[in-house]
Amino acid sequence: MAAKNLKIRPLDDRVVVEPVEAEERTAGGIVLPDSAKEKPQRGHVVAVGVGKLLENGQRAPLSVSIGDEVIYGKYSGSDIEVDGHDVKILRESDILAKVLA
């Protein structure tokens, strides 16, 4: 995880994810050109916010933490570049699942 030392801190219930690169070959061994590759939907969490502010003034804890591998919606979040790394900033609600080891 090269993006682990990013100088960025997401706000509230937002999460910074470093996408896992798309496969370059199919299961049958066919090499895919860049135009045929799917947008990645998996990534590693590299930064998390402090949690959503509730009406009672407390923060709701996030269910993901730094280092987790997650699956998110194909078109969710915002793609940005920070310190030369492509990352995605999503709300916790855009994360569909956490990959268990």
C-alpha atoms as a PDB file:
ATOM      1  CA  MET A   1       0.000   0.000   0.000  1.00  0.00           C
ATOM      2  CA  ALA A   2       1.982   2.891  -1.289  1.00  0.00           C
ATOM      3  CA  ALA A   3      -0.645   5.483  -0.370  1.00  0.00           C
ATOM      4  CA  LYS A   4      -0.489   4.709   3.337  1.00  0.00           C
ATOM      5  CA  ASN A   5       1.534   7.851   4.134  1.00  0.00           C
ATOM      6  CA  LEU A   6      -0.777  10.324   2.394  1.00  0.00           C
ATOM      7  CA  LYS A   7      -1.141  13.725   3.972  1.00  0.00           C
ATOM      8  CA  ILE A   8      -4.932  13.791   3.807  1.00  0.00           C
ATOM      9  CA  ARG A   9      -7.590  13.412   6.489  1.00  0.00           C
ATOM     10  CA  PRO A  10     -11.181  12.752   5.397  1.00  0.00           C
ATOM     11  CA  LEU A  11     -13.993  14.543   7.224  1.00  0.00           C
ATOM     12  CA  ASP A  12     -16.941  13.016   9.097  1.00  0.00           C
ATOM     13  CA  ASP A  13     -17.981   9.624   7.665  1.00  0.00           C
ATOM     14  CA  ARG A  14     -15.740   9.768   4.598  1.00  0.00           C
ATOM     15  CA  VAL A  15     -13.120   7.148   3.768  1.00  0.00           C
ATOM     16  CA  VAL A  16     -10.063   7.337   1.472  1.00  0.00           C
ATOM     17  CA  VAL A  17      -9.551   4.147  -0.549  1.00  0.00           C
ATOM     18  CA  GLU A  18      -6.635   3.197  -2.778  1.00  0.00           C
ATOM     19  CA  PRO A  19      -8.185   1.186  -5.641  1.00  0.00           C
ATOM     20  CA  VAL A  20      -6.730  -2.220  -6.506  1.00  0.00           C
ATOM     21  CA  GLU A  21      -5.607  -2.287 -10.135  1.00  0.00           C
ATOM     22  CA  ALA A  22      -7.862  -4.110 -12.598  1.00  0.00           C
ATOM     23  CA  GLU A  23      -6.765  -7.518 -13.858  1.00  0.00           C
ATOM     24  CA  GLU A  24      -4.770  -7.422 -17.087  1.00  0.00           C
ATOM     25  CA  ARG A  25      -5.620 -11.007 -18.063  1.00  0.00           C
ATOM     26  CA  THR A  26      -8.804 -13.014 -18.026  1.00  0.00           C
ATOM     27  CA  ALA A  27      -9.045 -16.393 -16.306  1.00  0.00           C
ATOM     28  CA  GLY A  28      -8.412 -17.982 -19.729  1.00  0.00           C
ATOM     29  CA  GLY A  29      -5.154 -16.034 -20.176  1.00  0.00           C
ATOM     30  CA  ILE A  30      -6.364 -13.410 -22.662  1.00  0.00           C
ATOM     31  CA  VAL A  31      -4.571 -10.064 -22.239  1.00  0.00           C
ATOM     32  CA  LEU A  32      -7.046  -7.173 -21.924  1.00  0.00           C
ATOM     33  CA  PRO A  33      -6.364  -3.763 -23.489  1.00  0.00           C
ATOM     34  CA  ASP A  34      -6.829  -0.681 -21.282  1.00  0.00           C
ATOM     35  CA  SER A  35     -10.139   0.172 -22.972  1.00  0.00           C
ATOM     36  CA  ALA A  36     -11.642  -3.214 -21.999  1.00  0.00           C
ATOM     37  CA  LYS A  37     -10.663  -3.127 -18.332  1.00  0.00           C
ATOM     38  CA  GLU A  38     -13.428  -2.642 -15.771  1.00  0.00           C
ATOM     39  CA  LYS A  39     -13.218   0.207 -13.277  1.00  0.00           C
ATOM     40  CA  PRO A  40     -11.897  -1.228 -10.025  1.00  0.00           C
ATOM     41  CA  GLN A  41     -14.513  -1.858  -7.360  1.00  0.00           C
ATOM     42  CA  ARG A  42     -12.094  -3.029  -4.675  1.00  0.00           C
ATOM     43  CA  GLY A  43      -9.548  -1.153  -2.695  1.00  0.00           C
ATOM     44  CA  HIS A  44      -7.658  -0.753   0.546  1.00  0.00           C
ATOM     45  CA  VAL A  45      -8.712   1.828   3.121  1.00  0.00           C
ATOM     46  CA  VAL A  46      -5.825   4.252   3.698  1.00  0.00           C
ATOM     47  CA  ALA A  47      -7.574   6.917   5.819  1.00  0.00           C
ATOM     48  CA  VAL A  48     -10.871   7.290   7.696  1.00  0.00           C
ATOM     49  CA  GLY A  49     -12.786  10.224   9.118  1.00  0.00           C
ATOM     50  CA  VAL A  50     -13.906  10.625  12.724  1.00  0.00           C
ATOM     51  CA  GLY A  51     -17.477   9.443  12.089  1.00  0.00           C
ATOM     52  CA  LYS A  52     -20.811  11.001  11.250  1.00  0.00           C
ATOM     53  CA  LEU A  53     -22.012  13.689  13.644  1.00  0.00           C
ATOM     54  CA  LEU A  54     -25.306  12.601  15.192  1.00  0.00           C
ATOM     55  CA  GLU A  55     -28.121  14.899  16.325  1.00  0.00           C
ATOM     56  CA  ASN A  56     -27.160  14.370  19.980  1.00  0.00           C
ATOM     57  CA  GLY A  57     -23.647  15.743  19.302  1.00  0.00           C
ATOM     58  CA  GLN A  58     -21.842  12.389  19.453  1.00  0.00           C
ATOM     59  CA  ARG A  59     -19.964  10.695  16.606  1.00  0.00           C
ATOM     60  CA  ALA A  60     -21.111   7.389  15.095  1.00  0.00           C
ATOM     61  CA  PRO A  61     -18.122   5.032  14.850  1.00  0.00           C
ATOM     62  CA  LEU A  62     -17.120   3.815  11.382  1.00  0.00           C
ATOM     63  CA  SER A  63     -17.326   0.107  10.609  1.00  0.00           C
ATOM     64  CA  VAL A  64     -14.135   0.146   8.495  1.00  0.00           C
ATOM     65  CA  SER A  65     -10.601   0.965   9.540  1.00  0.00           C
ATOM     66  CA  ILE A  66      -7.245   1.613   7.901  1.00  0.00           C
ATOM     67  CA  GLY A  67      -5.930  -1.491   6.136  1.00  0.00           C
ATOM     68  CA  ASP A  68      -9.349  -3.050   5.425  1.00  0.00           C
ATOM     69  CA  GLU A  69     -10.050  -4.259   1.907  1.00  0.00           C
ATOM     70  CA  VAL A  70     -13.473  -3.067   0.767  1.00  0.00           C
ATOM     71  CA  ILE A  71     -15.854  -3.378  -2.178  1.00  0.00           C
ATOM     72  CA  TYR A  72     -17.648  -0.223  -3.312  1.00  0.00           C
ATOM     73  CA  GLY A  73     -20.062   0.821  -6.046  1.00  0.00           C
ATOM     74  CA  LYS A  74     -18.630   1.202  -9.546  1.00  0.00           C
ATOM     75  CA  TYR A  75     -19.445   4.913  -9.873  1.00  0.00           C
ATOM     76  CA  SER A  76     -19.460   5.977  -6.224  1.00  0.00           C
ATOM     77  CA  GLY A  77     -17.148   8.506  -4.622  1.00  0.00           C
ATOM     78  CA  SER A  78     -14.725  11.018  -6.113  1.00  0.00           C
ATOM     79  CA  ASP A  79     -11.468  10.115  -7.853  1.00  0.00           C
ATOM     80  CA  ILE A  80      -8.591  12.419  -6.940  1.00  0.00           C
ATOM     81  CA  GLU A  81      -4.800  12.444  -7.034  1.00  0.00           C
ATOM     82  CA  VAL A  82      -2.910  13.116  -3.800  1.00  0.00           C
ATOM     83  CA  ASP A  83       0.890  13.118  -3.591  1.00  0.00           C
ATOM     84  CA  GLY A  84       1.068  11.289  -6.941  1.00  0.00           C
ATOM     85  CA  HIS A  85      -1.342   8.511  -5.876  1.00  0.00           C
ATOM     86  CA  ASP A  86      -4.783   7.962  -7.373  1.00  0.00           C
ATOM     87  CA  VAL A  87      -7.288   7.527  -4.556  1.00  0.00           C
ATOM     88  CA  LYS A  88     -11.045   7.569  -4.135  1.00  0.00           C
ATOM     89  CA  ILE A  89     -12.920   9.451  -1.415  1.00  0.00           C
ATOM     90  CA  LEU A  90     -16.240   7.822  -0.500  1.00  0.00           C
ATOM     91  CA  ARG A  91     -18.841   8.088   2.203  1.00  0.00           C
ATOM     92  CA  GLU A  92     -19.004   5.035   4.424  1.00  0.00           C
ATOM     93  CA  SER A  93     -22.498   4.369   3.051  1.00  0.00           C
ATOM     94  CA  ASP A  94     -20.986   3.962  -0.472  1.00  0.00           C
ATOM     95  CA  ILE A  95     -18.995   0.946   0.757  1.00  0.00           C
ATOM     96  CA  LEU A  96     -20.919  -2.236  -0.015  1.00  0.00           C
ATOM     97  CA  ALA A  97     -18.841  -4.805   1.872  1.00  0.00           C
ATOM     98  CA  LYS A  98     -15.633  -5.481   3.751  1.00  0.00           C
ATOM     99  CA  VAL A  99     -13.530  -8.368   2.407  1.00  0.00           C
ATOM    100  CA  LEU A 100     -12.735 -10.842   5.189  1.00  0.00           C
ATOM    101  CA  ALA A 101      -9.344 -12.551   5.294  1.00  0.00           C
END
